[in-house]
Amino acid sequence: LEPWLPTAEGDPQTALDAEGFRQMLNTFLRAQSPEARRFFLRRYWYGETVREIAQACGVKEEKVKTSLFRTRERLRKELEREELKL
């Protein structure tokens, strides 16, 4: 499973947009707690289920769900602030 990221496809403007998005996403993830970042990456980069993440990290599924919800909300707000609406 490959994660979704914008690609350039030969268009210079798209390449700039994709690079800007990658930089913004990396900065955003670095600002998250290690646990929130771990849950987010396992779910949206590696495609693990909430159950798999909870078992691997030794936490309850509800904690993973809550963390993912809050992280997505923070990301949404950051995207709006950066005017990068997806």
N, C-alpha and C. Protein backbone atom coordinates (compact mmCIF):
# COMPACT_ATOMS: atom_id res chain seq x y z
N LEU A 1 0.85 -1.18 0.00
CA LEU A 1 0.00 0.00 0.00
C LEU A 1 0.89 1.23 0.00
N GLU A 2 0.71 2.06 -1.01
CA GLU A 2 1.49 3.29 -1.07
C GLU A 2 0.66 4.44 -0.53
N PRO A 3 1.26 5.31 0.27
CA PRO A 3 0.53 6.45 0.80
C PRO A 3 0.21 7.44 -0.31
N TRP A 4 -0.85 8.21 -0.10
CA TRP A 4 -1.21 9.22 -1.08
C TRP A 4 -0.43 10.48 -0.81
N LEU A 5 0.24 10.95 -1.86
CA LEU A 5 0.88 12.26 -1.83
C LEU A 5 0.72 12.85 -3.23
N PRO A 6 0.54 14.15 -3.32
CA PRO A 6 0.45 14.75 -4.65
C PRO A 6 1.74 14.51 -5.41
N THR A 7 1.63 14.32 -6.72
CA THR A 7 2.82 14.11 -7.56
C THR A 7 2.91 15.19 -8.62
N ALA A 8 4.08 15.35 -9.17
CA ALA A 8 4.32 16.41 -10.14
C ALA A 8 3.74 16.10 -11.51
N GLU A 9 3.88 14.88 -11.99
CA GLU A 9 3.39 14.49 -13.31
C GLU A 9 3.83 15.47 -14.40
N GLY A 10 5.05 15.99 -14.30
CA GLY A 10 5.62 16.83 -15.34
C GLY A 10 5.16 18.28 -15.32
N ASP A 11 4.31 18.66 -14.42
CA ASP A 11 3.80 20.03 -14.34
C ASP A 11 4.57 20.78 -13.26
N PRO A 12 5.30 21.84 -13.62
CA PRO A 12 6.11 22.56 -12.62
C PRO A 12 5.28 23.11 -11.45
N GLN A 13 4.10 23.64 -11.72
CA GLN A 13 3.26 24.18 -10.65
C GLN A 13 2.82 23.07 -9.70
N THR A 14 2.46 21.94 -10.26
CA THR A 14 2.05 20.81 -9.42
C THR A 14 3.23 20.32 -8.59
N ALA A 15 4.42 20.34 -9.18
CA ALA A 15 5.61 19.92 -8.45
C ALA A 15 5.85 20.84 -7.25
N LEU A 16 5.69 22.15 -7.46
CA LEU A 16 5.84 23.10 -6.35
C LEU A 16 4.79 22.87 -5.29
N ASP A 17 3.54 22.65 -5.71
CA ASP A 17 2.45 22.40 -4.77
C ASP A 17 2.72 21.12 -3.97
N ALA A 18 3.16 20.08 -4.65
CA ALA A 18 3.44 18.80 -3.99
C ALA A 18 4.56 18.96 -2.98
N GLU A 19 5.61 19.68 -3.34
CA GLU A 19 6.73 19.89 -2.44
C GLU A 19 6.29 20.72 -1.23
N GLY A 20 5.49 21.74 -1.47
CA GLY A 20 4.97 22.56 -0.37
C GLY A 20 4.11 21.74 0.58
N PHE A 21 3.29 20.86 0.01
CA PHE A 21 2.45 20.00 0.83
C PHE A 21 3.30 19.06 1.67
N ARG A 22 4.30 18.45 1.06
CA ARG A 22 5.19 17.53 1.79
C ARG A 22 5.88 18.25 2.94
N GLN A 23 6.38 19.45 2.67
CA GLN A 23 7.06 20.21 3.72
C GLN A 23 6.11 20.56 4.85
N MET A 24 4.89 21.00 4.49
CA MET A 24 3.90 21.36 5.50
C MET A 24 3.53 20.14 6.34
N LEU A 25 3.32 18.98 5.68
CA LEU A 25 2.94 17.77 6.38
C LEU A 25 4.06 17.30 7.32
N ASN A 26 5.30 17.36 6.86
CA ASN A 26 6.43 16.97 7.71
C ASN A 26 6.54 17.89 8.92
N THR A 27 6.39 19.19 8.72
CA THR A 27 6.45 20.14 9.82
C THR A 27 5.31 19.88 10.81
N PHE A 28 4.12 19.64 10.28
CA PHE A 28 2.97 19.35 11.12
C PHE A 28 3.22 18.09 11.97
N LEU A 29 3.68 17.03 11.33
CA LEU A 29 3.90 15.78 12.06
C LEU A 29 4.98 15.90 13.12
N ARG A 30 6.02 16.66 12.83
CA ARG A 30 7.08 16.87 13.83
C ARG A 30 6.56 17.59 15.07
N ALA A 31 5.52 18.41 14.90
CA ALA A 31 4.96 19.18 16.01
C ALA A 31 4.01 18.35 16.88
N GLN A 32 3.65 17.17 16.43
CA GLN A 32 2.73 16.31 17.19
C GLN A 32 3.49 15.52 18.25
N SER A 33 2.75 15.04 19.22
CA SER A 33 3.39 14.20 20.24
C SER A 33 3.88 12.91 19.56
N PRO A 34 4.90 12.29 20.14
CA PRO A 34 5.38 11.03 19.54
C PRO A 34 4.27 9.99 19.38
N GLU A 35 3.39 9.90 20.37
CA GLU A 35 2.32 8.92 20.28
C GLU A 35 1.34 9.26 19.16
N ALA A 36 0.91 10.51 19.07
CA ALA A 36 -0.02 10.92 18.02
C ALA A 36 0.61 10.71 16.64
N ARG A 37 1.88 11.06 16.51
CA ARG A 37 2.59 10.88 15.24
C ARG A 37 2.67 9.39 14.89
N ARG A 38 2.98 8.55 15.87
CA ARG A 38 3.07 7.10 15.65
C ARG A 38 1.73 6.55 15.16
N PHE A 39 0.65 6.91 15.85
CA PHE A 39 -0.68 6.42 15.45
C PHE A 39 -1.01 6.89 14.03
N PHE A 40 -0.78 8.18 13.77
CA PHE A 40 -1.11 8.77 12.47
C PHE A 40 -0.36 8.08 11.34
N LEU A 41 0.94 7.91 11.50
CA LEU A 41 1.75 7.28 10.46
C LEU A 41 1.38 5.82 10.26
N ARG A 42 1.15 5.12 11.35
CA ARG A 42 0.77 3.70 11.21
C ARG A 42 -0.56 3.57 10.48
N ARG A 43 -1.49 4.49 10.74
CA ARG A 43 -2.80 4.40 10.10
C ARG A 43 -2.77 4.87 8.66
N TYR A 44 -2.21 6.04 8.41
CA TYR A 44 -2.33 6.67 7.09
C TYR A 44 -1.13 6.47 6.19
N TRP A 45 -0.01 6.04 6.71
CA TRP A 45 1.15 5.76 5.86
C TRP A 45 1.26 4.26 5.62
N TYR A 46 1.13 3.49 6.70
CA TYR A 46 1.28 2.04 6.58
C TYR A 46 -0.05 1.30 6.43
N GLY A 47 -1.17 1.99 6.59
CA GLY A 47 -2.48 1.40 6.36
C GLY A 47 -2.93 0.38 7.39
N GLU A 48 -2.39 0.48 8.59
CA GLU A 48 -2.80 -0.45 9.64
C GLU A 48 -4.19 -0.08 10.16
N THR A 49 -4.92 -1.07 10.64
CA THR A 49 -6.23 -0.81 11.23
C THR A 49 -6.06 -0.25 12.63
N VAL A 50 -7.13 0.33 13.14
CA VAL A 50 -7.11 0.84 14.51
C VAL A 50 -6.79 -0.29 15.48
N ARG A 51 -7.38 -1.45 15.26
CA ARG A 51 -7.13 -2.61 16.13
C ARG A 51 -5.64 -3.00 16.10
N GLU A 52 -5.05 -3.04 14.91
CA GLU A 52 -3.63 -3.41 14.80
C GLU A 52 -2.74 -2.41 15.53
N ILE A 53 -3.06 -1.13 15.37
CA ILE A 53 -2.26 -0.09 16.04
C ILE A 53 -2.37 -0.24 17.55
N ALA A 54 -3.60 -0.41 18.04
CA ALA A 54 -3.82 -0.54 19.48
C ALA A 54 -3.06 -1.73 20.04
N GLN A 55 -3.14 -2.86 19.37
CA GLN A 55 -2.44 -4.06 19.85
C GLN A 55 -0.94 -3.86 19.83
N ALA A 56 -0.41 -3.29 18.76
CA ALA A 56 1.04 -3.10 18.64
C ALA A 56 1.57 -2.09 19.67
N CYS A 57 0.76 -1.11 20.01
CA CYS A 57 1.20 -0.05 20.92
C CYS A 57 0.77 -0.28 22.36
N GLY A 58 0.00 -1.34 22.60
CA GLY A 58 -0.42 -1.66 23.95
C GLY A 58 -1.40 -0.67 24.55
N VAL A 59 -2.30 -0.14 23.72
CA VAL A 59 -3.32 0.80 24.20
C VAL A 59 -4.70 0.31 23.74
N LYS A 60 -5.74 0.94 24.26
CA LYS A 60 -7.10 0.59 23.85
C LYS A 60 -7.42 1.22 22.50
N GLU A 61 -8.29 0.57 21.75
CA GLU A 61 -8.68 1.08 20.44
C GLU A 61 -9.26 2.49 20.54
N GLU A 62 -10.02 2.75 21.59
CA GLU A 62 -10.64 4.07 21.75
C GLU A 62 -9.58 5.18 21.83
N LYS A 63 -8.46 4.88 22.45
CA LYS A 63 -7.38 5.87 22.55
C LYS A 63 -6.82 6.18 21.16
N VAL A 64 -6.65 5.15 20.35
CA VAL A 64 -6.15 5.34 18.99
C VAL A 64 -7.16 6.16 18.18
N LYS A 65 -8.44 5.79 18.26
CA LYS A 65 -9.48 6.52 17.52
C LYS A 65 -9.53 7.99 17.91
N THR A 66 -9.48 8.25 19.21
CA THR A 66 -9.54 9.63 19.69
C THR A 66 -8.32 10.41 19.21
N SER A 67 -7.15 9.81 19.32
CA SER A 67 -5.94 10.48 18.87
C SER A 67 -5.98 10.78 17.38
N LEU A 68 -6.42 9.81 16.58
CA LEU A 68 -6.50 10.03 15.14
C LEU A 68 -7.49 11.13 14.80
N PHE A 69 -8.63 11.14 15.47
CA PHE A 69 -9.63 12.19 15.23
C PHE A 69 -9.04 13.56 15.53
N ARG A 70 -8.41 13.70 16.69
CA ARG A 70 -7.85 14.99 17.08
C ARG A 70 -6.71 15.42 16.16
N THR A 71 -5.89 14.47 15.75
CA THR A 71 -4.78 14.80 14.84
C THR A 71 -5.32 15.23 13.48
N ARG A 72 -6.35 14.54 12.98
CA ARG A 72 -6.96 14.95 11.71
C ARG A 72 -7.54 16.35 11.81
N GLU A 73 -8.16 16.67 12.94
CA GLU A 73 -8.72 18.01 13.13
C GLU A 73 -7.62 19.07 13.14
N ARG A 74 -6.53 18.78 13.84
CA ARG A 74 -5.40 19.74 13.84
C ARG A 74 -4.84 19.90 12.44
N LEU A 75 -4.73 18.79 11.70
CA LEU A 75 -4.23 18.86 10.33
C LEU A 75 -5.17 19.66 9.45
N ARG A 76 -6.48 19.45 9.59
CA ARG A 76 -7.45 20.20 8.81
C ARG A 76 -7.29 21.70 9.06
N LYS A 77 -7.16 22.07 10.32
CA LYS A 77 -6.99 23.49 10.67
C LYS A 77 -5.70 24.05 10.09
N GLU A 78 -4.65 23.25 10.14
CA GLU A 78 -3.36 23.68 9.57
C GLU A 78 -3.47 23.86 8.06
N LEU A 79 -4.15 22.94 7.39
CA LEU A 79 -4.34 23.05 5.94
C LEU A 79 -5.14 24.31 5.60
N GLU A 80 -6.15 24.59 6.38
CA GLU A 80 -6.94 25.81 6.16
C GLU A 80 -6.10 27.04 6.40
N ARG A 81 -5.30 27.00 7.45
CA ARG A 81 -4.43 28.14 7.75
C ARG A 81 -3.44 28.37 6.61
N GLU A 82 -2.94 27.29 6.07
CA GLU A 82 -1.97 27.36 4.96
C GLU A 82 -2.68 27.51 3.60
N GLU A 83 -4.02 27.50 3.64
CA GLU A 83 -4.83 27.60 2.43
C GLU A 83 -4.57 26.44 1.46
N LEU A 84 -4.38 25.25 2.01
CA LEU A 84 -4.17 24.04 1.23
C LEU A 84 -5.35 23.12 1.49
N LYS A 85 -6.47 23.40 0.92
CA LYS A 85 -7.65 22.58 1.16
C LYS A 85 -7.65 21.41 0.20
N LEU A 86 -7.80 20.20 0.74
CA LEU A 86 -7.82 19.00 -0.08
C LEU A 86 -9.22 18.44 -0.15
